[in-house]
Amino acid sequence: MHTPVTIIGAGLGGLTLARVLHVHGIPVTVHEAEPSASARTQGGMLDIHDHNGQLALGAAGLMDAFHAIVPEGRQSMRVLDPAGTVLMDKADDGTGGRPEVQRAELRRILLDSLPAGTVRWGRRADAVRALGEGRHEVTFTDGTTVVTGLLVGADGAWSRVRPLLSPAVPEYTGTSFVETYLYDADTRHPAAAQAVGGGSMIAPEPGKEIFAHRESGDTLHTYVALTRPLDWFAAVDFTDPAAATARIAAEFDGWAPQLTALITDGDTPPVLRPHYALPTGHRWDRVPGVTLLGDAAHLAAPNGEGANLAMLDGAELGEALAAHPDDVEAALTAYEEAMFIRSAEAVTFEGAELQGIDAEGNTAQDLIDLITGDGG
């Protein structure tokens, strides 16, 4: 295939696609809005599943690099009740199919696997228009443009490429995270560190949940899930970290102090992360010369599948293009047909990937049944 591929977005999905294309000798350029690879933190721990994310890394030839960044013990999981009582404590015995890695480290090995100059930093897409015959023009906020015969929108929830294919717009799901970090946890926050344990911890109640991960460098990364309308969060002044922390913590009044400490003792200002989603089963008619992957194609509330699906999208799209070197449209059709089915059928609650599950009304026992496989 001689048509260079233009990818908008250097997230995990876009980079996986770029790497698989590179493996197959297909020219590719990635345009990313961030000014550099280190411009912002890349989020916390990710479960990389053996049935999707790891398949993508295998296609990219990066399994050895992946295994090198997997920390020991992070697949352990415990469930606590609001009083701090441990209801379930599942050890990491090394046999699980979802090893945890830092998102930033995973992105790093993908970036390191690409030739210098593949990713063009500081290139925020502002507008995209069709030129006919499968060609598209992307205009960036700096006023520059690029014309491409194959455009891939890997640009996330608010994709600039998606309107070429679909009028769908993400809608608020009703639940948001408030994100906090505790550093040097074992020495500075020992009670909270003991509550979380060596991997991840969930303390659920209908309409609310505290979910925490132990990350590298003795860090506890917490997602506080609350089912509240956007207007409720708009009334919380997140520009005043102390006031915002107090308001969020008030929703957990009466909970064990080692759990509420994950909110009140945060070493960073609390950050609001509203959950948006595209319609379940989102799809579009084939449009020549353009497609989507990851959140741009099938944004869903956090369920542990998003990064895995985005990476598999990228790998399968790359392999489809390699398999149809003289027929881009056949490659895009094959990719989209499989992707539409996969994203619509993605397991909503799988194993321990349950961030936000209990904010939807599940009980602790529901959660334990799902984790242990007793939920039917």
Foldseek 3Di string as FASTA:
>chain_A
DAFEEEEEALALLSLLLQLLLVVLVHHYAYEYQAQDLPRDADDFKAFAFPVFNVVSCVSSVCPVVVVVQFDPWQPWEWEAALQLHTPDTRTCPPPDGTTMGTSSSSSVVSVVSDDPRRYDYNFAFDAKDDPDPQKIKTAGPVGDIDIGNAYEYAPAQQTRQLVVWDPWHWDFPQKKWWKFKDAPCCPPPVLLDVSQDQHKYWHFDAQWIWIWGQGPRRMIIIIIMGRHDPVVVVPQPLVPQQSNLVVSLVVSPPGHPSRSCRRNVGPDRIDMGTAIWTPQLDDGDDDHRYYYAFNSGTGDGQQSCRSRRSSNLSSQLSVLCSVCVPCNSSSVVVSRVVSSVCSNPPDRHAAQRCVCVNSNPDDSVCNVCRNVVNND
